[in-house]
PDB file of all heavy atoms in Angstrom:
ATOM      1  N   SER A   1      11.232   7.940 -25.181  1.00  0.00           N
ATOM      2  CA  SER A   1      11.647   6.843 -26.054  1.00  0.00           C
ATOM      3  C   SER A   1      13.115   6.485 -25.877  1.00  0.00           C
ATOM      4  O   SER A   1      13.548   5.426 -26.355  1.00  0.00           O
ATOM      5  CB  SER A   1      11.382   7.209 -27.515  1.00  0.00           C
ATOM      6  OG  SER A   1      12.123   8.372 -27.858  1.00  0.00           O
ATOM      7  N   GLY A   2      13.858   7.370 -25.235  1.00  0.00           N
ATOM      8  CA  GLY A   2      15.267   7.118 -25.005  1.00  0.00           C
ATOM      9  C   GLY A   2      15.696   7.665 -23.662  1.00  0.00           C
ATOM     10  O   GLY A   2      14.880   8.167 -22.895  1.00  0.00           O
ATOM     11  N   SER A   3      16.971   7.587 -23.407  1.00  0.00           N
ATOM     12  CA  SER A   3      17.479   8.044 -22.127  1.00  0.00           C
ATOM     13  C   SER A   3      17.362   9.560 -21.986  1.00  0.00           C
ATOM     14  O   SER A   3      17.732  10.302 -22.886  1.00  0.00           O
ATOM     15  CB  SER A   3      18.945   7.637 -21.983  1.00  0.00           C
ATOM     16  OG  SER A   3      19.481   8.158 -20.791  1.00  0.00           O
ATOM     17  N   ILE A   4      16.848   9.969 -20.850  1.00  0.00           N
ATOM     18  CA  ILE A   4      16.717  11.409 -20.571  1.00  0.00           C
ATOM     19  C   ILE A   4      17.410  11.772 -19.273  1.00  0.00           C
ATOM     20  O   ILE A   4      17.137  12.808 -18.671  1.00  0.00           O
ATOM     21  CB  ILE A   4      15.238  11.856 -20.520  1.00  0.00           C
ATOM     22  CG1 ILE A   4      14.435  11.020 -19.518  1.00  0.00           C
ATOM     23  CG2 ILE A   4      14.609  11.796 -21.906  1.00  0.00           C
ATOM     24  CD1 ILE A   4      13.041  11.579 -19.240  1.00  0.00           C
ATOM     25  N   PHE A   5      18.346  10.919 -18.839  1.00  0.00           N
ATOM     26  CA  PHE A   5      18.957  11.144 -17.524  1.00  0.00           C
ATOM     27  C   PHE A   5      19.709  12.463 -17.466  1.00  0.00           C
ATOM     28  O   PHE A   5      19.845  13.057 -16.400  1.00  0.00           O
ATOM     29  CB  PHE A   5      19.885   9.980 -17.162  1.00  0.00           C
ATOM     30  CG  PHE A   5      21.235  10.032 -17.822  1.00  0.00           C
ATOM     31  CD1 PHE A   5      22.312  10.633 -17.188  1.00  0.00           C
ATOM     32  CD2 PHE A   5      21.439   9.510 -19.088  1.00  0.00           C
ATOM     33  CE1 PHE A   5      23.552  10.691 -17.798  1.00  0.00           C
ATOM     34  CE2 PHE A   5      22.660   9.567 -19.704  1.00  0.00           C
ATOM     35  CZ  PHE A   5      23.724  10.158 -19.067  1.00  0.00           C
ATOM     36  N   SER A   6      20.188  12.947 -18.623  1.00  0.00           N
ATOM     37  CA  SER A   6      20.953  14.186 -18.628  1.00  0.00           C
ATOM     38  C   SER A   6      20.101  15.419 -18.923  1.00  0.00           C
ATOM     39  O   SER A   6      20.625  16.525 -19.020  1.00  0.00           O
ATOM     40  CB  SER A   6      22.071  14.100 -19.662  1.00  0.00           C
ATOM     41  OG  SER A   6      21.541  13.976 -20.963  1.00  0.00           O
ATOM     42  N   PHE A   7      18.798  15.213 -19.048  1.00  0.00           N
ATOM     43  CA  PHE A   7      17.886  16.296 -19.378  1.00  0.00           C
ATOM     44  C   PHE A   7      17.121  16.769 -18.154  1.00  0.00           C
ATOM     45  O   PHE A   7      16.827  15.990 -17.244  1.00  0.00           O
ATOM     46  CB  PHE A   7      16.860  15.837 -20.423  1.00  0.00           C
ATOM     47  CG  PHE A   7      17.425  15.655 -21.805  1.00  0.00           C
ATOM     48  CD1 PHE A   7      18.181  14.544 -22.123  1.00  0.00           C
ATOM     49  CD2 PHE A   7      17.165  16.589 -22.797  1.00  0.00           C
ATOM     50  CE1 PHE A   7      18.701  14.366 -23.401  1.00  0.00           C
ATOM     51  CE2 PHE A   7      17.660  16.420 -24.082  1.00  0.00           C
ATOM     52  CZ  PHE A   7      18.430  15.304 -24.376  1.00  0.00           C
ATOM     53  N   SER A   8      16.773  18.029 -18.168  1.00  0.00           N
ATOM     54  CA  SER A   8      15.779  18.530 -17.230  1.00  0.00           C
ATOM     55  C   SER A   8      14.389  18.309 -17.830  1.00  0.00           C
ATOM     56  O   SER A   8      14.241  18.246 -19.052  1.00  0.00           O
ATOM     57  CB  SER A   8      15.990  20.018 -16.962  1.00  0.00           C
ATOM     58  OG  SER A   8      17.192  20.239 -16.267  1.00  0.00           O
ATOM     59  N   VAL A   9      13.410  18.202 -16.975  1.00  0.00           N
ATOM     60  CA  VAL A   9      12.055  17.910 -17.429  1.00  0.00           C
ATOM     61  C   VAL A   9      11.073  18.825 -16.716  1.00  0.00           C
ATOM     62  O   VAL A   9      11.129  18.998 -15.495  1.00  0.00           O
ATOM     63  CB  VAL A   9      11.674  16.444 -17.165  1.00  0.00           C
ATOM     64  CG1 VAL A   9      10.284  16.154 -17.736  1.00  0.00           C
ATOM     65  CG2 VAL A   9      12.706  15.496 -17.770  1.00  0.00           C
ATOM     66  N   ASP A  10      10.174  19.395 -17.512  1.00  0.00           N
ATOM     67  CA  ASP A  10       9.106  20.233 -16.972  1.00  0.00           C
ATOM     68  C   ASP A  10       7.764  19.563 -17.203  1.00  0.00           C
ATOM     69  O   ASP A  10       7.571  18.833 -18.171  1.00  0.00           O
ATOM     70  CB  ASP A  10       9.032  21.589 -17.704  1.00  0.00           C
ATOM     71  CG  ASP A  10      10.360  22.300 -17.804  1.00  0.00           C
ATOM     72  OD1 ASP A  10      11.075  22.360 -16.792  1.00  0.00           O
ATOM     73  OD2 ASP A  10      10.662  22.809 -18.894  1.00  0.00           O
ATOM     74  N   TRP A  11       6.834  19.887 -16.330  1.00  0.00           N
ATOM     75  CA  TRP A  11       5.424  19.672 -16.598  1.00  0.00           C
ATOM     76  C   TRP A  11       4.781  21.049 -16.760  1.00  0.00           C
ATOM     77  O   TRP A  11       4.975  21.934 -15.915  1.00  0.00           O
ATOM     78  CB  TRP A  11       4.728  18.931 -15.466  1.00  0.00           C
ATOM     79  CG  TRP A  11       4.933  17.449 -15.477  1.00  0.00           C
ATOM     80  CD1 TRP A  11       5.827  16.734 -14.743  1.00  0.00           C
ATOM     81  CD2 TRP A  11       4.205  16.491 -16.263  1.00  0.00           C
ATOM     82  NE1 TRP A  11       5.705  15.395 -15.018  1.00  0.00           N
ATOM     83  CE2 TRP A  11       4.713  15.216 -15.943  1.00  0.00           C
ATOM     84  CE3 TRP A  11       3.162  16.584 -17.201  1.00  0.00           C
ATOM     85  CZ2 TRP A  11       4.236  14.052 -16.524  1.00  0.00           C
ATOM     86  CZ3 TRP A  11       2.692  15.431 -17.776  1.00  0.00           C
ATOM     87  CH2 TRP A  11       3.217  14.177 -17.440  1.00  0.00           C
ATOM     88  N   TYR A  12       4.050  21.206 -17.850  1.00  0.00           N
ATOM     89  CA  TYR A  12       3.263  22.408 -18.098  1.00  0.00           C
ATOM     90  C   TYR A  12       1.792  21.997 -18.163  1.00  0.00           C
ATOM     91  O   TYR A  12       1.464  20.825 -18.334  1.00  0.00           O
ATOM     92  CB  TYR A  12       3.624  23.027 -19.453  1.00  0.00           C
ATOM     93  CG  TYR A  12       4.875  23.854 -19.471  1.00  0.00           C
ATOM     94  CD1 TYR A  12       6.133  23.265 -19.543  1.00  0.00           C
ATOM     95  CD2 TYR A  12       4.810  25.255 -19.457  1.00  0.00           C
ATOM     96  CE1 TYR A  12       7.290  24.035 -19.581  1.00  0.00           C
ATOM     97  CE2 TYR A  12       5.959  26.025 -19.505  1.00  0.00           C
ATOM     98  CZ  TYR A  12       7.194  25.405 -19.567  1.00  0.00           C
ATOM     99  OH  TYR A  12       8.328  26.173 -19.610  1.00  0.00           O
ATOM    100  N   ARG A  13       0.931  22.985 -18.071  1.00  0.00           N
ATOM    101  CA  ARG A  13      -0.477  22.720 -18.308  1.00  0.00           C
ATOM    102  C   ARG A  13      -1.097  23.901 -19.046  1.00  0.00           C
ATOM    103  O   ARG A  13      -0.617  25.045 -18.952  1.00  0.00           O
ATOM    104  CB  ARG A  13      -1.225  22.461 -17.002  1.00  0.00           C
ATOM    105  CG  ARG A  13      -1.403  23.677 -16.106  1.00  0.00           C
ATOM    106  CD  ARG A  13      -2.123  23.282 -14.821  1.00  0.00           C
ATOM    107  NE  ARG A  13      -2.446  24.435 -13.995  1.00  0.00           N
ATOM    108  CZ  ARG A  13      -3.019  24.359 -12.800  1.00  0.00           C
ATOM    109  NH1 ARG A  13      -3.332  23.161 -12.283  1.00  0.00           N
ATOM    110  NH2 ARG A  13      -3.278  25.445 -12.112  1.00  0.00           N
ATOM    111  N   GLN A  14      -2.153  23.588 -19.779  1.00  0.00           N
ATOM    112  CA  GLN A  14      -2.870  24.626 -20.516  1.00  0.00           C
ATOM    113  C   GLN A  14      -4.365  24.394 -20.367  1.00  0.00           C
ATOM    114  O   GLN A  14      -4.901  23.370 -20.827  1.00  0.00           O
ATOM    115  CB  GLN A  14      -2.480  24.634 -21.991  1.00  0.00           C
ATOM    116  CG  GLN A  14      -3.070  25.803 -22.754  1.00  0.00           C
ATOM    117  CD  GLN A  14      -2.406  25.994 -24.107  1.00  0.00           C
ATOM    118  OE1 GLN A  14      -1.762  25.101 -24.648  1.00  0.00           O
ATOM    119  NE2 GLN A  14      -2.557  27.184 -24.664  1.00  0.00           N
ATOM    120  N   ALA A  15      -4.994  25.331 -19.706  1.00  0.00           N
ATOM    121  CA  ALA A  15      -6.441  25.278 -19.528  1.00  0.00           C
ATOM    122  C   ALA A  15      -7.118  25.922 -20.730  1.00  0.00           C
ATOM    123  O   ALA A  15      -6.505  26.743 -21.434  1.00  0.00           O
ATOM    124  CB  ALA A  15      -6.831  26.001 -18.252  1.00  0.00           C
ATOM    125  N   PRO A  16      -8.377  25.586 -20.987  1.00  0.00           N
ATOM    126  CA  PRO A  16      -9.092  26.170 -22.127  1.00  0.00           C
ATOM    127  C   PRO A  16      -9.074  27.692 -22.087  1.00  0.00           C
ATOM    128  O   PRO A  16      -9.393  28.301 -21.049  1.00  0.00           O
ATOM    129  CB  PRO A  16     -10.509  25.627 -21.956  1.00  0.00           C
ATOM    130  CG  PRO A  16     -10.347  24.363 -21.205  1.00  0.00           C
ATOM    131  CD  PRO A  16      -9.200  24.603 -20.266  1.00  0.00           C
ATOM    132  N   GLY A  17      -8.667  28.295 -23.184  1.00  0.00           N
ATOM    133  CA  GLY A  17      -8.665  29.751 -23.283  1.00  0.00           C
ATOM    134  C   GLY A  17      -7.540  30.440 -22.537  1.00  0.00           C
ATOM    135  O   GLY A  17      -7.520  31.677 -22.453  1.00  0.00           O
ATOM    136  N   LYS A  18      -6.601  29.675 -21.995  1.00  0.00           N
ATOM    137  CA  LYS A  18      -5.508  30.268 -21.224  1.00  0.00           C
ATOM    138  C   LYS A  18      -4.163  29.885 -21.821  1.00  0.00           C
ATOM    139  O   LYS A  18      -4.053  28.951 -22.607  1.00  0.00           O
ATOM    140  CB  LYS A  18      -5.578  29.817 -19.764  1.00  0.00           C
ATOM    141  CG  LYS A  18      -6.806  30.311 -19.034  1.00  0.00           C
ATOM    142  CD  LYS A  18      -6.722  30.012 -17.553  1.00  0.00           C
ATOM    143  CE  LYS A  18      -7.920  30.580 -16.813  1.00  0.00           C
ATOM    144  NZ  LYS A  18      -7.839  30.307 -15.354  1.00  0.00           N
ATOM    145  N   GLN A  19      -3.153  30.638 -21.416  1.00  0.00           N
ATOM    146  CA  GLN A  19      -1.801  30.337 -21.867  1.00  0.00           C
ATOM    147  C   GLN A  19      -1.243  29.116 -21.143  1.00  0.00           C
ATOM    148  O   GLN A  19      -1.658  28.795 -20.023  1.00  0.00           O
ATOM    149  CB  GLN A  19      -0.889  31.543 -21.618  1.00  0.00           C
ATOM    150  CG  GLN A  19      -1.153  32.726 -22.534  1.00  0.00           C
ATOM    151  CD  GLN A  19      -0.101  33.809 -22.388  1.00  0.00           C
ATOM    152  OE1 GLN A  19       0.455  34.001 -21.315  1.00  0.00           O
ATOM    153  NE2 GLN A  19       0.185  34.518 -23.470  1.00  0.00           N
ATOM    154  N   ARG A  20      -0.309  28.474 -21.800  1.00  0.00           N
ATOM    155  CA  ARG A  20       0.364  27.350 -21.177  1.00  0.00           C
ATOM    156  C   ARG A  20       1.208  27.874 -20.008  1.00  0.00           C
ATOM    157  O   ARG A  20       1.883  28.900 -20.140  1.00  0.00           O
ATOM    158  CB  ARG A  20       1.247  26.639 -22.195  1.00  0.00           C
ATOM    159  CG  ARG A  20       1.770  25.297 -21.764  1.00  0.00           C
ATOM    160  CD  ARG A  20       2.442  24.570 -22.920  1.00  0.00           C
ATOM    161  NE  ARG A  20       1.504  24.235 -23.981  1.00  0.00           N
ATOM    162  CZ  ARG A  20       1.801  23.437 -25.004  1.00  0.00           C
ATOM    163  NH1 ARG A  20       3.020  22.892 -25.096  1.00  0.00           N
ATOM    164  NH2 ARG A  20       0.911  23.189 -25.937  1.00  0.00           N
ATOM    165  N   GLU A  21       1.146  27.178 -18.882  1.00  0.00           N
ATOM    166  CA  GLU A  21       1.883  27.629 -17.704  1.00  0.00           C
ATOM    167  C   GLU A  21       2.722  26.503 -17.129  1.00  0.00           C
ATOM    168  O   GLU A  21       2.352  25.327 -17.173  1.00  0.00           O
ATOM    169  CB  GLU A  21       0.924  28.162 -16.632  1.00  0.00           C
ATOM    170  CG  GLU A  21      -0.038  27.148 -16.071  1.00  0.00           C
ATOM    171  CD  GLU A  21      -0.899  27.701 -14.942  1.00  0.00           C
ATOM    172  OE1 GLU A  21      -0.565  28.751 -14.372  1.00  0.00           O
ATOM    173  OE2 GLU A  21      -1.927  27.055 -14.626  1.00  0.00           O
ATOM    174  N   LEU A  22       3.858  26.891 -16.562  1.00  0.00           N
ATOM    175  CA  LEU A  22       4.750  25.929 -15.940  1.00  0.00           C
ATOM    176  C   LEU A  22       4.166  25.454 -14.621  1.00  0.00           C
ATOM    177  O   LEU A  22       3.717  26.263 -13.801  1.00  0.00           O
ATOM    178  CB  LEU A  22       6.123  26.563 -15.706  1.00  0.00           C
ATOM    179  CG  LEU A  22       7.162  25.694 -15.005  1.00  0.00           C
ATOM    180  CD1 LEU A  22       7.554  24.503 -15.877  1.00  0.00           C
ATOM    181  CD2 LEU A  22       8.393  26.519 -14.636  1.00  0.00           C
ATOM    182  N   VAL A  23       4.197  24.139 -14.425  1.00  0.00           N
ATOM    183  CA  VAL A  23       3.749  23.556 -13.165  1.00  0.00           C
ATOM    184  C   VAL A  23       4.955  23.236 -12.285  1.00  0.00           C
ATOM    185  O   VAL A  23       5.033  23.675 -11.136  1.00  0.00           O
ATOM    186  CB  VAL A  23       2.938  22.273 -13.408  1.00  0.00           C
ATOM    187  CG1 VAL A  23       2.575  21.617 -12.081  1.00  0.00           C
ATOM    188  CG2 VAL A  23       1.686  22.572 -14.237  1.00  0.00           C
ATOM    189  N   ALA A  24       5.894  22.483 -12.842  1.00  0.00           N
ATOM    190  CA  ALA A  24       7.045  22.046 -12.041  1.00  0.00           C
ATOM    191  C   ALA A  24       8.183  21.633 -12.959  1.00  0.00           C
ATOM    192  O   ALA A  24       7.967  21.308 -14.132  1.00  0.00           O
ATOM    193  CB  ALA A  24       6.662  20.873 -11.137  1.00  0.00           C
ATOM    194  N   THR A  25       9.391  21.644 -12.406  1.00  0.00           N
ATOM    195  CA  THR A  25      10.596  21.240 -13.124  1.00  0.00           C
ATOM    196  C   THR A  25      11.414  20.319 -12.237  1.00  0.00           C
ATOM    197  O   THR A  25      11.488  20.520 -11.017  1.00  0.00           O
ATOM    198  CB  THR A  25      11.453  22.474 -13.476  1.00  0.00           C
ATOM    199  OG1 THR A  25      10.723  23.331 -14.333  1.00  0.00           O
ATOM    200  CG2 THR A  25      12.753  22.069 -14.159  1.00  0.00           C
ATOM    201  N   ILE A  26      12.039  19.331 -12.865  1.00  0.00           N
ATOM    202  CA  ILE A  26      13.013  18.502 -12.164  1.00  0.00           C
ATOM    203  C   ILE A  26      14.289  18.483 -12.996  1.00  0.00           C
ATOM    204  O   ILE A  26      14.244  18.230 -14.206  1.00  0.00           O
ATOM    205  CB  ILE A  26      12.473  17.082 -11.870  1.00  0.00           C
ATOM    206  CG1 ILE A  26      13.450  16.320 -10.976  1.00  0.00           C
ATOM    207  CG2 ILE A  26      12.140  16.313 -13.137  1.00  0.00           C
ATOM    208  CD1 ILE A  26      12.836  15.077 -10.335  1.00  0.00           C
ATOM    209  N   SER A  27      15.405  18.771 -12.354  1.00  0.00           N
ATOM    210  CA  SER A  27      16.680  18.828 -13.070  1.00  0.00           C
ATOM    211  C   SER A  27      17.253  17.436 -13.262  1.00  0.00           C
ATOM    212  O   SER A  27      16.757  16.441 -12.694  1.00  0.00           O
ATOM    213  CB  SER A  27      17.665  19.693 -12.298  1.00  0.00           C
ATOM    214  OG  SER A  27      18.090  19.001 -11.125  1.00  0.00           O
ATOM    215  N   ASN A  28      18.325  17.361 -14.047  1.00  0.00           N
ATOM    216  CA  ASN A  28      18.965  16.059 -14.249  1.00  0.00           C
ATOM    217  C   ASN A  28      19.570  15.537 -12.946  1.00  0.00           C
ATOM    218  O   ASN A  28      19.774  14.323 -12.794  1.00  0.00           O
ATOM    219  CB  ASN A  28      20.022  16.130 -15.353  1.00  0.00           C
ATOM    220  CG  ASN A  28      21.081  17.189 -15.095  1.00  0.00           C
ATOM    221  OD1 ASN A  28      21.034  17.906 -14.093  1.00  0.00           O
ATOM    222  ND2 ASN A  28      22.023  17.306 -16.002  1.00  0.00           N
ATOM    223  N   GLY A  29      19.812  16.423 -12.007  1.00  0.00           N
ATOM    224  CA  GLY A  29      20.336  16.002 -10.705  1.00  0.00           C
ATOM    225  C   GLY A  29      19.263  15.710  -9.675  1.00  0.00           C
ATOM    226  O   GLY A  29      19.565  15.326  -8.540  1.00  0.00           O
ATOM    227  N   GLY A  30      18.006  15.907 -10.061  1.00  0.00           N
ATOM    228  CA  GLY A  30      16.903  15.615  -9.150  1.00  0.00           C
ATOM    229  C   GLY A  30      16.365  16.804  -8.381  1.00  0.00           C
ATOM    230  O   GLY A  30      15.409  16.668  -7.614  1.00  0.00           O
ATOM    231  N   GLY A  31      16.978  17.974  -8.573  1.00  0.00           N
ATOM    232  CA  GLY A  31      16.437  19.163  -7.921  1.00  0.00           C
ATOM    233  C   GLY A  31      15.099  19.535  -8.503  1.00  0.00           C
ATOM    234  O   GLY A  31      14.842  19.323  -9.687  1.00  0.00           O
ATOM    235  N   THR A  32      14.227  20.062  -7.672  1.00  0.00           N
ATOM    236  CA  THR A  32      12.871  20.381  -8.120  1.00  0.00           C
ATOM    237  C   THR A  32      12.534  21.846  -7.917  1.00  0.00           C
ATOM    238  O   THR A  32      13.071  22.518  -7.027  1.00  0.00           O
ATOM    239  CB  THR A  32      11.823  19.525  -7.381  1.00  0.00           C
ATOM    240  OG1 THR A  32      11.935  19.755  -5.968  1.00  0.00           O
ATOM    241  CG2 THR A  32      12.023  18.051  -7.676  1.00  0.00           C
ATOM    242  N   TYR A  33      11.633  22.302  -8.763  1.00  0.00           N
ATOM    243  CA  TYR A  33      11.106  23.668  -8.677  1.00  0.00           C
ATOM    244  C   TYR A  33       9.620  23.592  -8.963  1.00  0.00           C
ATOM    245  O   TYR A  33       9.176  22.866  -9.860  1.00  0.00           O
ATOM    246  CB  TYR A  33      11.788  24.578  -9.693  1.00  0.00           C
ATOM    247  CG  TYR A  33      11.042  25.877  -9.894  1.00  0.00           C
ATOM    248  CD1 TYR A  33      11.228  26.944  -9.020  1.00  0.00           C
ATOM    249  CD2 TYR A  33      10.121  26.027 -10.930  1.00  0.00           C
ATOM    250  CE1 TYR A  33      10.529  28.124  -9.190  1.00  0.00           C
ATOM    251  CE2 TYR A  33       9.415  27.205 -11.104  1.00  0.00           C
ATOM    252  CZ  TYR A  33       9.628  28.256 -10.228  1.00  0.00           C
ATOM    253  OH  TYR A  33       8.927  29.415 -10.391  1.00  0.00           O
ATOM    254  N   TYR A  34       8.853  24.360  -8.194  1.00  0.00           N
ATOM    255  CA  TYR A  34       7.407  24.423  -8.407  1.00  0.00           C
ATOM    256  C   TYR A  34       6.987  25.870  -8.579  1.00  0.00           C
ATOM    257  O   TYR A  34       7.452  26.753  -7.848  1.00  0.00           O
ATOM    258  CB  TYR A  34       6.664  23.823  -7.214  1.00  0.00           C
ATOM    259  CG  TYR A  34       6.958  22.351  -7.005  1.00  0.00           C
ATOM    260  CD1 TYR A  34       7.997  21.955  -6.175  1.00  0.00           C
ATOM    261  CD2 TYR A  34       6.215  21.378  -7.668  1.00  0.00           C
ATOM    262  CE1 TYR A  34       8.288  20.615  -5.996  1.00  0.00           C
ATOM    263  CE2 TYR A  34       6.493  20.037  -7.492  1.00  0.00           C
ATOM    264  CZ  TYR A  34       7.536  19.657  -6.656  1.00  0.00           C
ATOM    265  OH  TYR A  34       7.827  18.324  -6.482  1.00  0.00           O
ATOM    266  N   ALA A  35       6.074  26.072  -9.511  1.00  0.00           N
ATOM    267  CA  ALA A  35       5.472  27.392  -9.621  1.00  0.00           C
ATOM    268  C   ALA A  35       4.782  27.704  -8.300  1.00  0.00           C
ATOM    269  O   ALA A  35       4.255  26.806  -7.629  1.00  0.00           O
ATOM    270  CB  ALA A  35       4.475  27.427 -10.772  1.00  0.00           C
ATOM    271  N   ARG A  36       4.795  28.966  -7.941  1.00  0.00           N
ATOM    272  CA  ARG A  36       4.311  29.342  -6.614  1.00  0.00           C
ATOM    273  C   ARG A  36       2.909  28.818  -6.344  1.00  0.00           C
ATOM    274  O   ARG A  36       2.618  28.310  -5.261  1.00  0.00           O
ATOM    275  CB  ARG A  36       4.327  30.865  -6.469  1.00  0.00           C
ATOM    276  CG  ARG A  36       3.874  31.370  -5.118  1.00  0.00           C
ATOM    277  CD  ARG A  36       3.998  32.865  -5.027  1.00  0.00           C
ATOM    278  NE  ARG A  36       5.388  33.300  -5.133  1.00  0.00           N
ATOM    279  CZ  ARG A  36       5.764  34.571  -5.056  1.00  0.00           C
ATOM    280  NH1 ARG A  36       4.863  35.529  -4.906  1.00  0.00           N
ATOM    281  NH2 ARG A  36       7.031  34.887  -5.146  1.00  0.00           N
ATOM    282  N   SER A  37       2.030  28.919  -7.333  1.00  0.00           N
ATOM    283  CA  SER A  37       0.640  28.506  -7.123  1.00  0.00           C
ATOM    284  C   SER A  37       0.475  26.996  -7.086  1.00  0.00           C
ATOM    285  O   SER A  37      -0.592  26.495  -6.731  1.00  0.00           O
ATOM    286  CB  SER A  37      -0.249  29.092  -8.219  1.00  0.00           C
ATOM    287  OG  SER A  37       0.142  28.614  -9.483  1.00  0.00           O
ATOM    288  N   MET A  38       1.530  26.254  -7.420  1.00  0.00           N
ATOM    289  CA  MET A  38       1.454  24.796  -7.479  1.00  0.00           C
ATOM    290  C   MET A  38       2.055  24.120  -6.251  1.00  0.00           C
ATOM    291  O   MET A  38       1.966  22.907  -6.088  1.00  0.00           O
ATOM    292  CB  MET A  38       2.201  24.287  -8.719  1.00  0.00           C
ATOM    293  CG  MET A  38       1.866  24.973 -10.003  1.00  0.00           C
ATOM    294  SD  MET A  38       0.143  24.755 -10.499  1.00  0.00           S
ATOM    295  CE  MET A  38       0.126  25.812 -11.972  1.00  0.00           C
ATOM    296  N   LYS A  39       2.692  24.889  -5.401  1.00  0.00           N
ATOM    297  CA  LYS A  39       3.362  24.292  -4.248  1.00  0.00           C
ATOM    298  C   LYS A  39       2.359  23.653  -3.314  1.00  0.00           C
ATOM    299  O   LYS A  39       1.296  24.207  -3.050  1.00  0.00           O
ATOM    300  CB  LYS A  39       4.171  25.360  -3.508  1.00  0.00           C
ATOM    301  CG  LYS A  39       5.427  25.781  -4.230  1.00  0.00           C
ATOM    302  CD  LYS A  39       6.236  26.766  -3.406  1.00  0.00           C
ATOM    303  CE  LYS A  39       7.516  27.141  -4.117  1.00  0.00           C
ATOM    304  NZ  LYS A  39       8.328  28.112  -3.331  1.00  0.00           N
ATOM    305  N   GLY A  40       2.712  22.465  -2.849  1.00  0.00           N
ATOM    306  CA  GLY A  40       1.913  21.802  -1.832  1.00  0.00           C
ATOM    307  C   GLY A  40       1.059  20.661  -2.351  1.00  0.00           C
ATOM    308  O   GLY A  40       0.862  19.670  -1.651  1.00  0.00           O
ATOM    309  N   ARG A  41       0.533  20.768  -3.564  1.00  0.00           N
ATOM    310  CA  ARG A  41      -0.352  19.722  -4.085  1.00  0.00           C
ATOM    311  C   ARG A  41       0.269  18.932  -5.229  1.00  0.00           C
ATOM    312  O   ARG A  41      -0.273  17.902  -5.617  1.00  0.00           O
ATOM    313  CB  ARG A  41      -1.668  20.343  -4.573  1.00  0.00           C
ATOM    314  CG  ARG A  41      -2.474  21.013  -3.478  1.00  0.00           C
ATOM    315  CD  ARG A  41      -3.857  21.400  -3.999  1.00  0.00           C
ATOM    316  NE  ARG A  41      -3.783  22.362  -5.098  1.00  0.00           N
ATOM    317  CZ  ARG A  41      -4.233  22.118  -6.329  1.00  0.00           C
ATOM    318  NH1 ARG A  41      -4.768  20.937  -6.627  1.00  0.00           N
ATOM    319  NH2 ARG A  41      -4.135  23.055  -7.265  1.00  0.00           N
TER     320      ARG A  41
END
């Protein structure tokens, strides 16, 4: 709803019956990180 240029942003996912897990992160500078099992896709 507002500017998030100075924020880092994650995507998480939660499958039925499982804990929420980190998928990927992008920093305010554009650097990215992927959970090991998420790399490539």
